[in-house]
All heavy atoms as atom14 arrays in JSON, in Angstrom:
{
  "sequence": "RALLDVAITESDPDRAEQELAAFVDLVRQNP",
  "atom14_mask": [
    [1, 1, 1, 1, 1, 1, 1, 1, 1, 1, 1, 0, 0, 0],
    [1, 1, 1, 1, 1, 0, 0, 0, 0, 0, 0, 0, 0, 0],
    [1, 1, 1, 1, 1, 1, 1, 1, 0, 0, 0, 0, 0, 0],
    [1, 1, 1, 1, 1, 1, 1, 1, 0, 0, 0, 0, 0, 0],
    [1, 1, 1, 1, 1, 1, 1, 1, 0, 0, 0, 0, 0, 0],
    [1, 1, 1, 1, 1, 1, 1, 0, 0, 0, 0, 0, 0, 0],
    [1, 1, 1, 1, 1, 0, 0, 0, 0, 0, 0, 0, 0, 0],
    [1, 1, 1, 1, 1, 1, 1, 1, 0, 0, 0, 0, 0, 0],
    [1, 1, 1, 1, 1, 1, 1, 0, 0, 0, 0, 0, 0, 0],
    [1, 1, 1, 1, 1, 1, 1, 1, 1, 0, 0, 0, 0, 0],
    [1, 1, 1, 1, 1, 1, 0, 0, 0, 0, 0, 0, 0, 0],
    [1, 1, 1, 1, 1, 1, 1, 1, 0, 0, 0, 0, 0, 0],
    [1, 1, 1, 1, 1, 1, 1, 0, 0, 0, 0, 0, 0, 0],
    [1, 1, 1, 1, 1, 1, 1, 1, 0, 0, 0, 0, 0, 0],
    [1, 1, 1, 1, 1, 1, 1, 1, 1, 1, 1, 0, 0, 0],
    [1, 1, 1, 1, 1, 0, 0, 0, 0, 0, 0, 0, 0, 0],
    [1, 1, 1, 1, 1, 1, 1, 1, 1, 0, 0, 0, 0, 0],
    [1, 1, 1, 1, 1, 1, 1, 1, 1, 0, 0, 0, 0, 0],
    [1, 1, 1, 1, 1, 1, 1, 1, 1, 0, 0, 0, 0, 0],
    [1, 1, 1, 1, 1, 1, 1, 1, 0, 0, 0, 0, 0, 0],
    [1, 1, 1, 1, 1, 0, 0, 0, 0, 0, 0, 0, 0, 0],
    [1, 1, 1, 1, 1, 0, 0, 0, 0, 0, 0, 0, 0, 0],
    [1, 1, 1, 1, 1, 1, 1, 1, 1, 1, 1, 0, 0, 0],
    [1, 1, 1, 1, 1, 1, 1, 0, 0, 0, 0, 0, 0, 0],
    [1, 1, 1, 1, 1, 1, 1, 1, 0, 0, 0, 0, 0, 0],
    [1, 1, 1, 1, 1, 1, 1, 1, 0, 0, 0, 0, 0, 0],
    [1, 1, 1, 1, 1, 1, 1, 0, 0, 0, 0, 0, 0, 0],
    [1, 1, 1, 1, 1, 1, 1, 1, 1, 1, 1, 0, 0, 0],
    [1, 1, 1, 1, 1, 1, 1, 1, 1, 0, 0, 0, 0, 0],
    [1, 1, 1, 1, 1, 1, 1, 1, 0, 0, 0, 0, 0, 0],
    [1, 1, 1, 1, 1, 1, 1, 0, 0, 0, 0, 0, 0, 0]
  ],
  "atom14_positions": [
    [[97.04, 84.29, 86.12], [97.43, 84.97, 84.76], [98.15, 86.35, 85.13], [99.1, 86.68, 84.53], [96.22, 85.09, 83.9], [96.47, 85.63, 82.52], [95.31, 85.63, 81.6], [94.11, 86.26, 82.26], [92.97, 85.6, 82.49], [92.97, 84.32, 82.24], [91.96, 86.17, 83.04], [0.0, 0.0, 0.0], [0.0, 0.0, 0.0], [0.0, 0.0, 0.0]],
    [[97.44, 87.12, 85.98], [97.99, 88.45, 86.3], [99.43, 88.3, 86.93], [100.31, 89.09, 86.6], [97.01, 89.18, 87.24], [0.0, 0.0, 0.0], [0.0, 0.0, 0.0], [0.0, 0.0, 0.0], [0.0, 0.0, 0.0], [0.0, 0.0, 0.0], [0.0, 0.0, 0.0], [0.0, 0.0, 0.0], [0.0, 0.0, 0.0], [0.0, 0.0, 0.0]],
    [[99.58, 87.35, 87.89], [100.82, 87.23, 88.53], [101.85, 86.84, 87.48], [103.06, 87.39, 87.51], [100.79, 86.13, 89.58], [102.16, 85.87, 90.35], [102.73, 87.07, 90.96], [101.97, 84.73, 91.3], [0.0, 0.0, 0.0], [0.0, 0.0, 0.0], [0.0, 0.0, 0.0], [0.0, 0.0, 0.0], [0.0, 0.0, 0.0], [0.0, 0.0, 0.0]],
    [[101.64, 85.95, 86.57], [102.58, 85.57, 85.6], [102.88, 86.68, 84.69], [104.14, 86.9, 84.37], [102.02, 84.4, 84.69], [103.04, 83.76, 83.67], [104.37, 83.31, 84.31], [102.42, 82.74, 82.89], [0.0, 0.0, 0.0], [0.0, 0.0, 0.0], [0.0, 0.0, 0.0], [0.0, 0.0, 0.0], [0.0, 0.0, 0.0], [0.0, 0.0, 0.0]],
    [[101.95, 87.41, 84.23], [102.21, 88.6, 83.4], [103.19, 89.58, 84.07], [104.1, 89.99, 83.43], [100.86, 89.31, 83.08], [100.04, 88.49, 82.01], [100.49, 87.48, 81.43], [98.84, 88.83, 81.87], [0.0, 0.0, 0.0], [0.0, 0.0, 0.0], [0.0, 0.0, 0.0], [0.0, 0.0, 0.0], [0.0, 0.0, 0.0], [0.0, 0.0, 0.0]],
    [[102.89, 89.87, 85.35], [103.73, 90.79, 86.11], [105.16, 90.25, 86.3], [106.14, 90.87, 86.22], [103.04, 91.23, 87.32], [104.0, 92.06, 88.32], [101.81, 92.06, 87.14], [0.0, 0.0, 0.0], [0.0, 0.0, 0.0], [0.0, 0.0, 0.0], [0.0, 0.0, 0.0], [0.0, 0.0, 0.0], [0.0, 0.0, 0.0], [0.0, 0.0, 0.0]],
    [[105.19, 88.95, 86.64], [106.41, 88.3, 86.98], [107.31, 88.23, 85.74], [108.52, 88.48, 85.78], [106.24, 86.91, 87.54], [0.0, 0.0, 0.0], [0.0, 0.0, 0.0], [0.0, 0.0, 0.0], [0.0, 0.0, 0.0], [0.0, 0.0, 0.0], [0.0, 0.0, 0.0], [0.0, 0.0, 0.0], [0.0, 0.0, 0.0], [0.0, 0.0, 0.0]],
    [[106.7, 88.03, 84.57], [107.53, 88.02, 83.29], [108.05, 89.42, 82.97], [109.3, 89.53, 82.64], [106.65, 87.5, 82.17], [106.37, 86.05, 82.31], [107.32, 87.83, 80.8], [105.27, 85.52, 81.31], [0.0, 0.0, 0.0], [0.0, 0.0, 0.0], [0.0, 0.0, 0.0], [0.0, 0.0, 0.0], [0.0, 0.0, 0.0], [0.0, 0.0, 0.0]],
    [[107.33, 90.45, 83.19], [107.75, 91.74, 82.89], [108.69, 92.38, 83.98], [109.6, 93.15, 83.66], [106.64, 92.68, 82.48], [105.77, 92.78, 83.64], [105.93, 92.26, 81.3], [0.0, 0.0, 0.0], [0.0, 0.0, 0.0], [0.0, 0.0, 0.0], [0.0, 0.0, 0.0], [0.0, 0.0, 0.0], [0.0, 0.0, 0.0], [0.0, 0.0, 0.0]],
    [[108.36, 92.06, 85.26], [109.03, 92.84, 86.27], [110.07, 92.06, 87.05], [110.87, 92.62, 87.78], [108.01, 93.4, 87.33], [107.16, 94.48, 86.65], [106.16, 95.0, 87.68], [106.19, 94.64, 88.85], [105.31, 95.81, 87.17], [0.0, 0.0, 0.0], [0.0, 0.0, 0.0], [0.0, 0.0, 0.0], [0.0, 0.0, 0.0], [0.0, 0.0, 0.0]],
    [[110.05, 90.72, 87.06], [110.8, 89.9, 87.91], [111.12, 88.59, 87.26], [111.14, 88.47, 86.08], [110.24, 89.78, 89.34], [109.09, 89.01, 89.22], [0.0, 0.0, 0.0], [0.0, 0.0, 0.0], [0.0, 0.0, 0.0], [0.0, 0.0, 0.0], [0.0, 0.0, 0.0], [0.0, 0.0, 0.0], [0.0, 0.0, 0.0], [0.0, 0.0, 0.0]],
    [[111.25, 87.55, 88.04], [111.52, 86.2, 87.61], [110.33, 85.3, 87.78], [110.0, 85.03, 88.95], [112.8, 85.66, 88.31], [113.18, 84.27, 87.97], [112.64, 83.72, 87.02], [114.06, 83.74, 88.62], [0.0, 0.0, 0.0], [0.0, 0.0, 0.0], [0.0, 0.0, 0.0], [0.0, 0.0, 0.0], [0.0, 0.0, 0.0], [0.0, 0.0, 0.0]],
    [[109.69, 84.77, 86.76], [108.5, 83.88, 86.93], [108.83, 82.62, 87.7], [107.95, 82.12, 88.47], [108.06, 83.54, 85.47], [109.0, 84.21, 84.67], [110.02, 84.9, 85.32], [0.0, 0.0, 0.0], [0.0, 0.0, 0.0], [0.0, 0.0, 0.0], [0.0, 0.0, 0.0], [0.0, 0.0, 0.0], [0.0, 0.0, 0.0], [0.0, 0.0, 0.0]],
    [[110.06, 82.07, 87.65], [110.34, 80.86, 88.3], [110.48, 81.21, 89.86], [110.12, 80.35, 90.6], [111.75, 80.32, 87.86], [111.63, 79.73, 86.45], [110.56, 79.15, 86.07], [112.57, 79.94, 85.7], [0.0, 0.0, 0.0], [0.0, 0.0, 0.0], [0.0, 0.0, 0.0], [0.0, 0.0, 0.0], [0.0, 0.0, 0.0], [0.0, 0.0, 0.0]],
    [[111.07, 82.35, 90.09], [111.19, 82.74, 91.57], [109.83, 82.96, 92.15], [109.55, 82.61, 93.25], [112.05, 84.01, 91.7], [112.28, 84.47, 93.09], [113.19, 85.6, 93.28], [113.16, 86.04, 94.63], [113.54, 87.15, 94.94], [113.95, 88.03, 94.12], [113.5, 87.52, 96.29], [0.0, 0.0, 0.0], [0.0, 0.0, 0.0], [0.0, 0.0, 0.0]],
    [[108.96, 83.61, 91.33], [107.56, 83.82, 91.78], [106.8, 82.43, 92.15], [106.17, 82.38, 93.17], [106.78, 84.59, 90.75], [0.0, 0.0, 0.0], [0.0, 0.0, 0.0], [0.0, 0.0, 0.0], [0.0, 0.0, 0.0], [0.0, 0.0, 0.0], [0.0, 0.0, 0.0], [0.0, 0.0, 0.0], [0.0, 0.0, 0.0], [0.0, 0.0, 0.0]],
    [[107.09, 81.5, 91.34], [106.52, 80.15, 91.56], [106.98, 79.51, 92.86], [106.27, 79.0, 93.65], [106.78, 79.16, 90.37], [106.08, 77.89, 90.46], [106.92, 76.87, 91.17], [108.16, 76.87, 91.05], [106.43, 75.82, 91.78], [0.0, 0.0, 0.0], [0.0, 0.0, 0.0], [0.0, 0.0, 0.0], [0.0, 0.0, 0.0], [0.0, 0.0, 0.0]],
    [[108.3, 79.68, 93.02], [108.97, 79.16, 94.25], [108.43, 79.78, 95.51], [108.1, 79.22, 96.54], [110.47, 79.28, 94.18], [111.09, 78.34, 93.12], [112.48, 78.77, 92.84], [113.06, 79.71, 93.35], [113.19, 77.93, 91.95], [0.0, 0.0, 0.0], [0.0, 0.0, 0.0], [0.0, 0.0, 0.0], [0.0, 0.0, 0.0], [0.0, 0.0, 0.0]],
    [[108.32, 81.19, 95.37], [107.8, 81.9, 96.62], [106.39, 81.6, 96.92], [105.95, 81.54, 98.0], [108.09, 83.4, 96.39], [109.63, 83.73, 96.36], [109.84, 85.2, 95.92], [108.92, 85.76, 95.36], [111.03, 85.6, 96.06], [0.0, 0.0, 0.0], [0.0, 0.0, 0.0], [0.0, 0.0, 0.0], [0.0, 0.0, 0.0], [0.0, 0.0, 0.0]],
    [[105.53, 81.54, 95.87], [104.13, 81.23, 96.04], [103.95, 79.83, 96.69], [103.15, 79.63, 97.6], [103.38, 81.3, 94.65], [101.98, 81.26, 94.73], [101.28, 82.36, 95.61], [101.34, 81.4, 93.34], [0.0, 0.0, 0.0], [0.0, 0.0, 0.0], [0.0, 0.0, 0.0], [0.0, 0.0, 0.0], [0.0, 0.0, 0.0], [0.0, 0.0, 0.0]],
    [[104.76, 78.91, 96.17], [104.75, 77.54, 96.61], [105.18, 77.49, 98.09], [104.56, 76.79, 98.94], [105.6, 76.69, 95.8], [0.0, 0.0, 0.0], [0.0, 0.0, 0.0], [0.0, 0.0, 0.0], [0.0, 0.0, 0.0], [0.0, 0.0, 0.0], [0.0, 0.0, 0.0], [0.0, 0.0, 0.0], [0.0, 0.0, 0.0], [0.0, 0.0, 0.0]],
    [[106.24, 78.27, 98.45], [106.65, 78.31, 99.83], [105.54, 78.79, 100.84], [105.34, 78.22, 101.89], [107.98, 79.2, 99.95], [0.0, 0.0, 0.0], [0.0, 0.0, 0.0], [0.0, 0.0, 0.0], [0.0, 0.0, 0.0], [0.0, 0.0, 0.0], [0.0, 0.0, 0.0], [0.0, 0.0, 0.0], [0.0, 0.0, 0.0], [0.0, 0.0, 0.0]],
    [[104.89, 79.88, 100.33], [103.85, 80.4, 101.18], [102.66, 79.35, 101.3], [102.15, 79.18, 102.44], [103.3, 81.76, 100.6], [102.36, 82.45, 101.49], [102.87, 83.39, 102.38], [100.95, 82.27, 101.41], [101.99, 84.01, 103.27], [100.15, 82.98, 102.29], [100.65, 83.83, 103.17], [0.0, 0.0, 0.0], [0.0, 0.0, 0.0], [0.0, 0.0, 0.0]],
    [[102.31, 78.78, 100.21], [101.21, 77.72, 100.3], [101.63, 76.6, 101.23], [100.82, 76.13, 101.94], [100.88, 77.24, 98.82], [99.92, 76.06, 98.92], [100.18, 78.36, 98.02], [0.0, 0.0, 0.0], [0.0, 0.0, 0.0], [0.0, 0.0, 0.0], [0.0, 0.0, 0.0], [0.0, 0.0, 0.0], [0.0, 0.0, 0.0], [0.0, 0.0, 0.0]],
    [[102.86, 76.1, 101.1], [103.37, 75.07, 102.0], [103.31, 75.43, 103.41], [102.97, 74.69, 104.32], [104.79, 74.67, 101.51], [104.81, 73.81, 100.15], [103.7, 73.34, 99.83], [105.84, 73.74, 99.58], [0.0, 0.0, 0.0], [0.0, 0.0, 0.0], [0.0, 0.0, 0.0], [0.0, 0.0, 0.0], [0.0, 0.0, 0.0], [0.0, 0.0, 0.0]],
    [[103.79, 76.74, 103.68], [103.81, 77.17, 105.07], [102.35, 77.21, 105.6], [102.09, 76.76, 106.73], [104.27, 78.63, 105.0], [104.31, 79.45, 106.37], [105.35, 78.7, 107.31], [104.55, 80.76, 106.23], [0.0, 0.0, 0.0], [0.0, 0.0, 0.0], [0.0, 0.0, 0.0], [0.0, 0.0, 0.0], [0.0, 0.0, 0.0], [0.0, 0.0, 0.0]],
    [[101.34, 77.61, 104.9], [100.01, 77.61, 105.32], [99.54, 76.18, 105.57], [98.84, 75.82, 106.56], [99.04, 78.3, 104.31], [97.58, 78.2, 104.71], [99.43, 79.84, 104.18], [0.0, 0.0, 0.0], [0.0, 0.0, 0.0], [0.0, 0.0, 0.0], [0.0, 0.0, 0.0], [0.0, 0.0, 0.0], [0.0, 0.0, 0.0], [0.0, 0.0, 0.0]],
    [[99.79, 75.3, 104.61], [99.37, 73.87, 104.7], [100.02, 73.23, 106.04], [99.34, 72.32, 106.57], [99.82, 73.1, 103.51], [98.92, 73.33, 102.3], [99.37, 72.48, 101.15], [98.5, 72.76, 99.97], [98.89, 72.65, 98.7], [100.14, 72.24, 98.41], [98.06, 72.81, 97.71], [0.0, 0.0, 0.0], [0.0, 0.0, 0.0], [0.0, 0.0, 0.0]],
    [[101.24, 73.54, 106.24], [101.94, 72.87, 107.42], [101.55, 73.48, 108.69], [101.89, 72.94, 109.81], [103.46, 73.02, 107.23], [103.96, 72.18, 106.06], [105.38, 72.51, 105.64], [106.06, 73.32, 106.4], [105.82, 71.96, 104.65], [0.0, 0.0, 0.0], [0.0, 0.0, 0.0], [0.0, 0.0, 0.0], [0.0, 0.0, 0.0], [0.0, 0.0, 0.0]],
    [[100.75, 74.62, 108.7], [100.43, 75.24, 109.99], [98.97, 75.27, 110.04], [98.28, 76.21, 109.57], [100.98, 76.67, 110.0], [100.81, 77.31, 111.38], [99.9, 76.99, 112.03], [101.82, 78.21, 111.67], [0.0, 0.0, 0.0], [0.0, 0.0, 0.0], [0.0, 0.0, 0.0], [0.0, 0.0, 0.0], [0.0, 0.0, 0.0], [0.0, 0.0, 0.0]],
    [[98.36, 74.23, 110.73], [96.81, 74.27, 110.81], [96.12, 75.46, 111.35], [95.13, 75.86, 110.99], [96.59, 73.01, 111.66], [97.89, 72.21, 111.68], [98.88, 73.21, 111.42], [0.0, 0.0, 0.0], [0.0, 0.0, 0.0], [0.0, 0.0, 0.0], [0.0, 0.0, 0.0], [0.0, 0.0, 0.0], [0.0, 0.0, 0.0], [0.0, 0.0, 0.0]]
  ]
}
């Protein structure tokens, strides 16, 4: 909720989702 609130006011919420997903995928792919 906090990330979405900040992303809406300060940046792009779609880009935030993509970047967060990229980080999660990176962690998942690297045991």
